Amino acid sequence: MEPLLRFPEFHDKWDRKTLDQLLQFKNGINASKEQYGHGRKFINVLDILNNDYIKYELIKDSVSVSFSQEEAYRVEYGDLLFLRSSETRDDVGKCNVYLDEDTPALFGGFVIRGKKAAEYDPYFLKLLLNASSARNQISSKSGGSTRYNVSQDILESVIVSLPTISEQVKVSRFFTLLDKKIRKQHEKIEQLELFQKGLLQKIFSQEIRFKDENGLDYPEWSIGTLGELGSFIKSYSFSRSMEGEGEYRHIHYGDIHSKFSGIIDSQTELPSISVEAGETSYTLLTDGDVLFADASEDTSDLGKCVVLLEVNRRKIIGGLHTHCFRTNNHLDPLFLQFFTKTDEYRRFIKVNANGVSVYGLSKPALSSLEIPLPDIEEQKKISGFLYKLSKKIELLKQKKIELEAMKRGFISQMFV
């Protein structure tokens, strides 16, 4: 069996092998609480999931063990590391590769090490084992109910197809270059987001001020509470189970948490809800309405908000666990949305959050939010400037998404 896409200079058939012909497996260290936090770095679950490959400098945790244990649980260049246990079948058995040629590491109890026992390109094998054929074998054999687990026996039985070493190296180098492009894109995003965060703090602390069209200073800022600067409108408690075909679309608090970047325009996809037309009269959202998430399992997502810039003739309503706010002519809605990204706003949320396992934010509390208030024209100039910067960040993120999709496409065609 051969892949759909190959480099033209390679024609040899791929050989089928089981993983026990390539790797020797061992479960990781289980140490006492006192042994952690010092000693040699050890590879754990997040190191496997959060990196393209693992090097010693990227590992976060450490453990102090005896010399004999260091020898037994040593991870060296070319070794593979597998997730031994996970809450989902999608993650159990996922692997990563150790590519540090200078410094060995150790590995933790939720990890299985595959010690290099044959010739292969390490990064190629990592990609191969995370491709669909190997993943299907591993996940289908994993056991458990609340948690899924894989054993050394399961990993040893996985069948893979391997090309010659020279073809492995060529494929590996191709994906390494693609990974570098993705990482470079990620770095650009991080740098621009850091720049934006710094600007936000300087703008809202008035360290940076804008001038009017004649180059003159705007009036001094005042303070206003949210309750003085608009009013709340009705939202609805439709759950995810109501999503489907329908003429109405809703904005769910979960999407505010994780899906939307803060601005909803004509290109933003919103879920429809299955309610009968004419069943009731719904309060529709209009351009400029701001929606706050009023519930979250942690305070970092509580109070996140989005501003609706382009309804585009869609019938949109506020959804489950949202406070919908309509500003008056003293507050620019986009200016308000950017203010909610400041440290000052996050401190307000932490103080006003109520609850234990799930936090809530009441309308009276939100109404008391004090907003530093420049002249409306300066508000619009500030929000317009920050909006352009946000769009640039979104374009960089979209490019990263496209590169990641390209990588997945190549993996699906270049591995069997």
Protein backbone atom coordinates (compact mmCIF):
# COMPACT_ATOMS: atom_id res chain seq x y z
CA MET A 1 0.00 0.00 0.00
CA GLU A 2 1.36 3.40 -1.04
CA PRO A 3 0.30 6.99 -0.32
CA LEU A 4 -1.64 9.12 -2.79
CA LEU A 5 1.10 11.73 -2.95
CA ARG A 6 4.85 11.04 -3.18
CA PHE A 7 7.97 12.85 -4.23
CA PRO A 8 8.63 11.83 -7.86
CA GLU A 9 12.08 10.29 -7.28
CA PHE A 10 10.72 7.55 -4.99
CA HIS A 11 9.12 4.35 -6.30
CA ASP A 12 9.93 1.60 -3.77
CA LYS A 13 7.08 -0.14 -2.00
CA TRP A 14 6.40 0.71 1.63
CA ASP A 15 7.12 -2.12 4.10
CA ARG A 16 4.57 -3.15 6.73
CA LYS A 17 5.89 -3.48 10.27
CA THR A 18 4.48 -3.68 13.77
CA LEU A 19 5.68 -1.10 16.28
CA ASP A 20 7.43 -3.74 18.41
CA GLN A 21 9.88 -4.05 15.51
CA LEU A 22 10.77 -0.37 15.85
CA LEU A 23 10.32 0.53 19.52
CA GLN A 24 10.72 -0.95 23.00
CA PHE A 25 7.97 0.27 25.32
CA LYS A 26 8.02 1.24 28.99
CA ASN A 27 5.61 3.03 31.35
CA GLY A 28 6.73 6.23 33.05
CA ILE A 29 7.85 7.30 36.52
CA ASN A 30 5.48 7.43 39.49
CA ALA A 31 7.28 9.46 42.16
CA SER A 32 6.24 10.88 45.53
CA LYS A 33 4.97 14.45 45.85
CA GLU A 34 8.23 15.59 47.46
CA GLN A 35 10.29 14.50 44.46
CA TYR A 36 8.61 16.88 42.02
CA GLY A 37 9.64 20.47 41.30
CA HIS A 38 13.40 19.89 41.17
CA GLY A 39 15.88 17.56 39.50
CA ARG A 40 15.81 16.49 35.85
CA LYS A 41 12.99 17.61 33.55
CA PHE A 42 10.38 14.98 32.73
CA ILE A 43 7.91 14.73 29.84
CA ASN A 44 4.25 14.80 30.73
CA VAL A 45 0.90 14.98 28.96
CA LEU A 46 0.96 18.66 27.97
CA ASP A 47 4.48 18.39 26.57
CA ILE A 48 3.15 15.77 24.14
CA LEU A 49 -0.01 17.68 23.19
CA ASN A 50 1.35 21.23 22.95
CA ASN A 51 4.51 20.87 20.87
CA ASP A 52 5.38 19.86 17.30
CA TYR A 53 8.35 18.03 18.82
CA ILE A 54 9.97 17.97 22.26
CA LYS A 55 13.34 19.36 23.31
CA TYR A 56 14.70 19.62 26.84
CA GLU A 57 14.31 23.41 26.97
CA LEU A 58 10.57 23.12 26.14
CA ILE A 59 9.75 20.79 29.06
CA LYS A 60 8.09 22.48 32.06
CA ASP A 61 8.18 19.96 34.94
CA SER A 62 11.03 18.26 36.80
CA VAL A 63 11.51 15.32 39.16
CA SER A 64 14.35 14.15 41.37
CA VAL A 65 15.06 10.40 41.18
CA SER A 66 17.98 8.06 41.84
CA PHE A 67 20.75 7.43 39.32
CA SER A 68 19.38 3.97 38.52
CA GLN A 69 15.89 5.43 37.86
CA GLU A 70 17.40 8.12 35.60
CA GLU A 71 19.01 5.36 33.59
CA ALA A 72 15.80 3.29 33.40
CA TYR A 73 13.52 6.22 32.46
CA ARG A 74 15.91 8.12 30.20
CA VAL A 75 14.47 9.72 27.04
CA GLU A 76 16.97 10.28 24.24
CA TYR A 77 17.01 11.60 20.69
CA GLY A 78 14.58 9.66 18.47
CA ASP A 79 12.46 8.16 21.26
CA LEU A 80 8.66 8.39 20.93
CA LEU A 81 6.35 9.38 23.80
CA PHE A 82 2.69 8.25 23.91
CA LEU A 83 -0.27 9.42 26.02
CA ARG A 84 -1.11 6.45 28.20
CA SER A 85 -4.46 7.82 29.44
CA SER A 86 -6.98 10.46 28.35
CA GLU A 87 -10.59 11.52 28.90
CA THR A 88 -11.22 11.19 25.15
CA ARG A 89 -10.47 8.58 22.48
CA ASP A 90 -9.23 11.41 20.26
CA ASP A 91 -6.19 12.02 22.48
CA VAL A 92 -5.38 8.64 24.00
CA GLY A 93 -2.25 7.15 22.44
CA LYS A 94 -1.23 10.38 20.69
CA CYS A 95 2.49 10.64 20.40
CA ASN A 96 5.35 13.07 20.11
CA VAL A 97 9.06 12.71 19.46
CA TYR A 98 12.13 13.76 21.44
CA LEU A 99 14.59 15.62 19.22
CA ASP A 100 17.20 16.91 21.66
CA GLU A 101 20.59 15.46 20.79
CA ASP A 102 22.40 17.01 23.76
CA THR A 103 20.37 16.54 26.94
CA PRO A 104 18.32 13.48 27.93
CA ALA A 105 15.01 13.85 29.78
CA LEU A 106 12.74 11.59 31.85
CA PHE A 107 9.04 10.73 31.36
CA GLY A 108 6.03 10.72 33.69
CA GLY A 109 3.49 8.12 34.76
CA PHE A 110 0.78 9.06 32.24
CA VAL A 111 3.27 8.51 29.39
CA ILE A 112 4.61 5.42 27.62
CA ARG A 113 8.07 5.70 26.10
CA GLY A 114 8.92 4.00 22.83
CA LYS A 115 12.70 3.56 22.94
CA LYS A 116 14.29 3.67 19.49
CA ALA A 117 15.20 0.07 18.56
CA ALA A 118 15.53 0.25 14.76
CA GLU A 119 16.38 2.67 11.98
CA TYR A 120 13.74 5.29 11.17
CA ASP A 121 13.49 9.04 10.79
CA PRO A 122 12.09 10.15 14.18
CA TYR A 123 9.91 13.02 13.00
CA PHE A 124 8.53 10.96 10.10
CA LEU A 125 7.48 8.20 12.50
CA LYS A 126 5.83 10.73 14.81
CA LEU A 127 3.76 12.11 11.91
CA LEU A 128 2.92 8.61 10.71
CA LEU A 129 1.68 7.52 14.13
CA ASN A 130 -0.58 10.56 14.41
CA ALA A 131 -2.03 9.99 10.92
CA SER A 132 -5.43 8.37 10.51
CA SER A 133 -4.46 4.69 10.01
CA ALA A 134 -2.37 4.37 13.16
CA ARG A 135 -4.71 6.60 15.17
CA ASN A 136 -7.71 4.44 14.21
CA GLN A 137 -5.89 1.31 15.35
CA ILE A 138 -4.88 2.80 18.68
CA SER A 139 -8.17 4.51 19.57
CA SER A 140 -10.29 1.50 18.58
CA LYS A 141 -8.28 -0.76 20.92
CA SER A 142 -8.22 1.68 23.85
CA GLY A 143 -10.23 0.66 26.89
CA GLY A 144 -12.06 2.50 29.67
CA SER A 145 -15.30 4.30 30.46
CA THR A 146 -14.66 7.68 32.10
CA ARG A 147 -11.01 7.58 30.94
CA TYR A 148 -9.51 5.78 27.97
CA ASN A 149 -6.22 3.92 28.29
CA VAL A 150 -3.68 2.24 26.04
CA SER A 151 -1.18 -0.39 27.05
CA GLN A 152 2.24 -1.37 25.80
CA ASP A 153 0.66 -4.45 24.19
CA ILE A 154 -1.75 -2.28 22.19
CA LEU A 155 1.08 -0.06 20.95
CA GLU A 156 3.28 -3.04 20.08
CA SER A 157 0.51 -4.45 17.85
CA VAL A 158 0.02 -1.29 15.76
CA ILE A 159 0.81 -1.92 12.08
CA VAL A 160 2.53 0.83 10.09
CA SER A 161 3.85 1.11 6.54
CA LEU A 162 7.32 2.60 6.12
CA PRO A 163 9.20 3.78 3.03
CA THR A 164 12.98 3.77 2.68
CA ILE A 165 14.98 5.93 5.10
CA SER A 166 15.81 8.40 2.32
CA GLU A 167 12.11 8.92 1.55
CA GLN A 168 11.33 9.25 5.25
CA VAL A 169 13.98 11.97 5.56
CA LYS A 170 12.63 13.86 2.51
CA VAL A 171 9.07 13.80 3.86
CA SER A 172 10.27 14.76 7.33
CA ARG A 173 12.17 17.78 6.00
CA PHE A 174 9.15 18.89 4.00
CA PHE A 175 6.92 18.91 7.09
CA THR A 176 9.65 20.52 9.20
CA LEU A 177 9.69 23.48 6.79
CA LEU A 178 5.89 23.67 6.90
CA ASP A 179 5.99 23.59 10.73
CA LYS A 180 8.48 26.46 10.71
CA LYS A 181 6.08 28.55 8.63
CA ILE A 182 3.25 27.81 11.05
CA ARG A 183 5.42 28.68 14.07
CA LYS A 184 6.57 31.90 12.39
CA GLN A 185 2.94 32.84 11.79
CA HIS A 186 2.14 32.07 15.43
CA GLU A 187 5.01 34.30 16.57
CA LYS A 188 3.72 37.19 14.43
CA ILE A 189 0.29 36.81 16.02
CA GLU A 190 1.72 36.73 19.55
CA GLN A 191 3.88 39.82 18.92
CA LEU A 192 1.00 41.82 17.46
CA GLU A 193 -1.37 40.77 20.27
CA LEU A 194 1.25 41.83 22.82
CA PHE A 195 1.62 45.16 21.01
CA GLN A 196 -2.17 45.59 21.02
CA LYS A 197 -2.39 44.79 24.75
CA GLY A 198 0.26 47.41 25.50
CA LEU A 199 -1.55 49.99 23.38
CA LEU A 200 -4.85 49.28 25.12
CA GLN A 201 -3.34 49.96 28.52
CA LYS A 202 -1.67 53.15 27.36
CA ILE A 203 -4.81 54.43 25.60
CA PHE A 204 -7.20 53.77 28.47
CA SER A 205 -4.75 55.16 31.03
CA GLN A 206 -4.54 58.25 28.75
CA GLU A 207 -0.79 57.88 28.36
CA ILE A 208 -1.57 58.04 24.63
CA ARG A 209 -4.09 60.64 23.46
CA PHE A 210 -5.51 61.29 20.00
CA LYS A 211 -5.90 64.66 18.29
CA ASP A 212 -8.91 65.97 16.40
CA GLU A 213 -8.95 66.71 12.66
CA ASN A 214 -7.32 70.08 13.28
CA GLY A 215 -4.53 68.63 15.38
CA LEU A 216 -6.03 69.97 18.60
CA ASP A 217 -6.57 68.14 21.88
CA TYR A 218 -9.93 66.59 22.59
CA PRO A 219 -11.69 67.54 25.86
CA GLU A 220 -10.67 65.85 29.12
CA TRP A 221 -12.13 62.41 29.80
CA SER A 222 -14.93 61.85 32.27
CA ILE A 223 -16.28 58.74 33.99
CA GLY A 224 -19.64 57.13 33.29
CA THR A 225 -21.31 53.92 34.44
CA LEU A 226 -22.59 51.43 31.90
CA GLY A 227 -26.12 51.89 33.25
CA GLU A 228 -25.96 55.60 32.41
CA LEU A 229 -24.74 54.97 28.87
CA GLY A 230 -27.46 52.74 27.45
CA SER A 231 -29.93 50.03 28.37
CA PHE A 232 -30.27 46.27 28.42
CA ILE A 233 -32.56 44.52 25.95
CA LYS A 234 -34.12 41.08 26.07
CA SER A 235 -32.15 37.88 25.51
CA TYR A 236 -33.43 34.29 25.24
CA SER A 237 -32.49 30.98 26.84
CA PHE A 238 -32.35 28.67 23.82
CA SER A 239 -29.92 25.80 24.41
CA ARG A 240 -27.64 24.13 21.86
CA SER A 241 -30.29 21.45 21.38
CA MET A 242 -32.50 24.06 19.67
CA GLU A 243 -29.92 24.77 16.98
CA GLY A 244 -30.91 23.69 13.48
CA GLU A 245 -32.82 25.08 10.54
CA GLY A 246 -34.74 28.30 11.15
CA GLU A 247 -35.06 31.95 10.22
CA TYR A 248 -33.61 33.22 13.53
CA ARG A 249 -29.96 33.11 14.56
CA HIS A 250 -28.72 33.39 18.12
CA ILE A 251 -25.51 34.34 19.90
CA HIS A 252 -24.76 31.71 22.56
CA TYR A 253 -22.52 32.52 25.52
CA GLY A 254 -20.29 29.54 24.69
CA ASP A 255 -19.48 31.08 21.32
CA ILE A 256 -18.59 34.37 23.02
CA HIS A 257 -16.17 32.40 25.22
CA SER A 258 -14.35 30.52 22.51
CA LYS A 259 -15.47 31.19 18.95
CA PHE A 260 -15.83 34.92 18.33
CA SER A 261 -12.89 37.31 18.40
CA GLY A 262 -14.94 40.18 19.85
CA ILE A 263 -16.48 41.53 16.65
CA ILE A 264 -19.37 40.05 14.68
CA ASP A 265 -19.61 41.21 11.07
CA SER A 266 -21.33 40.00 7.92
CA GLN A 267 -18.77 37.19 7.50
CA THR A 268 -19.33 35.75 10.98
CA GLU A 269 -21.31 32.50 10.92
CA LEU A 270 -24.05 32.34 13.53
CA PRO A 271 -26.07 29.21 14.38
CA SER A 272 -29.76 29.12 13.43
CA ILE A 273 -32.37 27.96 15.92
CA SER A 274 -35.39 25.76 15.28
CA VAL A 275 -38.28 27.96 16.37
CA GLU A 276 -41.43 28.34 14.36
CA ALA A 277 -41.92 31.64 12.54
CA GLY A 278 -44.62 33.73 14.12
CA GLU A 279 -44.58 31.67 17.33
CA THR A 280 -43.60 34.78 19.28
CA SER A 281 -42.24 38.25 18.70
CA TYR A 282 -38.51 38.28 19.38
CA THR A 283 -36.42 41.36 20.20
CA LEU A 284 -33.95 41.51 17.33
CA LEU A 285 -30.40 42.76 17.67
CA THR A 286 -29.23 45.68 15.56
CA ASP A 287 -25.86 47.07 14.50
CA GLY A 288 -23.94 48.33 17.52
CA ASP A 289 -25.50 46.02 20.13
CA VAL A 290 -23.05 44.56 22.64
CA LEU A 291 -23.46 41.09 24.20
CA PHE A 292 -21.81 39.99 27.45
CA ALA A 293 -21.40 36.37 28.56
CA ASP A 294 -23.01 36.30 32.01
CA ALA A 295 -21.86 32.79 33.03
CA SER A 296 -18.62 30.81 32.99
CA GLU A 297 -16.78 28.07 34.84
CA ASP A 298 -13.91 30.51 35.43
CA THR A 299 -13.59 34.28 35.69
CA SER A 300 -11.31 34.55 32.66
CA ASP A 301 -14.28 33.98 30.31
CA LEU A 302 -16.93 35.64 32.47
CA GLY A 303 -17.98 39.02 31.09
CA LYS A 304 -16.35 38.49 27.69
CA CYS A 305 -18.26 40.44 25.11
CA VAL A 306 -18.85 40.86 21.39
CA VAL A 307 -20.12 43.83 19.43
CA LEU A 308 -22.44 43.35 16.48
CA LEU A 309 -21.21 45.53 13.62
CA GLU A 310 -23.08 44.12 10.64
CA VAL A 311 -26.47 42.44 11.05
CA ASN A 312 -26.72 42.21 7.25
CA ARG A 313 -30.51 41.65 7.22
CA ARG A 314 -30.20 38.60 9.49
CA LYS A 315 -32.69 38.04 12.30
CA ILE A 316 -30.35 37.76 15.28
CA ILE A 317 -31.31 37.42 18.94
CA GLY A 318 -29.34 37.28 22.18
CA GLY A 319 -28.91 33.69 23.33
CA LEU A 320 -28.43 31.68 26.49
CA HIS A 321 -26.53 33.37 29.34
CA THR A 322 -26.06 36.70 27.58
CA HIS A 323 -26.73 40.26 28.66
CA CYS A 324 -27.59 42.32 25.57
CA PHE A 325 -26.76 46.02 25.82
CA ARG A 326 -27.66 48.90 23.51
CA THR A 327 -25.55 52.04 23.93
CA ASN A 328 -26.86 55.62 23.74
CA ASN A 329 -25.19 58.39 21.75
CA HIS A 330 -22.59 59.03 24.49
CA LEU A 331 -20.86 55.66 24.11
CA ASP A 332 -19.38 54.10 20.98
CA PRO A 333 -20.11 50.33 21.17
CA LEU A 334 -16.78 49.37 19.62
CA PHE A 335 -14.97 51.58 22.15
CA LEU A 336 -16.84 49.69 24.90
CA GLN A 337 -15.80 46.33 23.46
CA PHE A 338 -12.12 47.34 23.44
CA PHE A 339 -12.39 48.60 27.03
CA THR A 340 -13.46 45.09 28.07
CA LYS A 341 -10.03 43.84 26.98
CA THR A 342 -8.21 45.94 29.60
CA ASP A 343 -6.79 44.77 32.93
CA GLU A 344 -9.09 47.26 34.68
CA TYR A 345 -12.17 45.52 33.28
CA ARG A 346 -10.88 42.04 34.20
CA ARG A 347 -10.35 43.23 37.80
CA PHE A 348 -13.95 44.49 37.84
CA ILE A 349 -15.19 41.07 36.70
CA LYS A 350 -13.25 39.20 39.39
CA VAL A 351 -14.68 41.49 42.09
CA ASN A 352 -18.26 41.19 40.82
CA ALA A 353 -18.34 37.49 39.89
CA ASN A 354 -20.71 35.43 42.02
CA GLY A 355 -20.91 31.66 42.41
CA VAL A 356 -18.67 28.71 43.26
CA SER A 357 -18.35 26.04 40.56
CA VAL A 358 -20.00 28.28 37.94
CA TYR A 359 -19.61 32.05 38.06
CA GLY A 360 -22.33 34.52 37.14
CA LEU A 361 -22.47 38.25 36.40
CA SER A 362 -25.68 40.12 37.18
CA LYS A 363 -27.13 43.06 35.26
CA PRO A 364 -27.01 45.35 38.33
CA ALA A 365 -23.31 44.55 38.79
CA LEU A 366 -22.58 45.12 35.10
CA SER A 367 -24.58 48.38 35.18
CA SER A 368 -22.20 49.68 37.86
CA LEU A 369 -19.15 49.26 35.60
CA GLU A 370 -17.26 52.58 35.46
CA ILE A 371 -15.99 53.44 31.99
CA PRO A 372 -13.35 56.08 31.27
CA LEU A 373 -15.18 58.29 28.81
CA PRO A 374 -13.55 60.54 26.21
CA ASP A 375 -15.50 62.74 23.82
CA ILE A 376 -17.56 60.60 21.42
CA GLU A 377 -15.41 61.67 18.46
CA GLU A 378 -12.24 60.60 20.28
CA GLN A 379 -13.96 57.31 21.19
CA LYS A 380 -14.60 56.64 17.50
CA LYS A 381 -11.04 57.55 16.56
CA ILE A 382 -9.68 55.18 19.23
CA SER A 383 -12.01 52.32 18.30
CA GLY A 384 -11.31 52.81 14.56
CA PHE A 385 -7.56 52.60 15.16
CA LEU A 386 -7.83 49.50 17.37
CA TYR A 387 -10.30 47.87 14.95
CA LYS A 388 -7.78 48.09 12.09
CA LEU A 389 -5.16 46.47 14.32
CA SER A 390 -7.61 43.71 15.29
CA LYS A 391 -8.40 43.01 11.64
CA LYS A 392 -4.69 42.64 10.93
CA ILE A 393 -4.41 40.10 13.75
CA GLU A 394 -7.43 38.21 12.39
CA LEU A 395 -5.84 38.04 8.93
CA LEU A 396 -2.67 36.57 10.46
CA LYS A 397 -4.78 34.02 12.36
CA GLN A 398 -6.64 33.07 9.20
CA LYS A 399 -3.32 32.52 7.41
CA LYS A 400 -2.20 30.24 10.26
CA ILE A 401 -5.47 28.28 10.02
CA GLU A 402 -4.90 27.85 6.27
CA LEU A 403 -1.34 26.60 6.84
CA GLU A 404 -2.54 24.12 9.46
CA ALA A 405 -5.26 22.90 7.10
CA MET A 406 -2.63 22.51 4.36
CA LYS A 407 -0.50 20.41 6.72
CA ARG A 408 -3.45 18.14 7.58
CA GLY A 409 -4.20 17.76 3.86
CA PHE A 410 -0.64 16.74 3.05
CA ILE A 411 -0.56 14.28 5.97
CA SER A 412 -3.73 12.62 4.75
CA GLN A 413 -2.20 12.12 1.29
CA MET A 414 1.47 11.41 2.13
CA PHE A 415 1.01 8.68 4.77
CA VAL A 416 -0.69 5.28 4.78
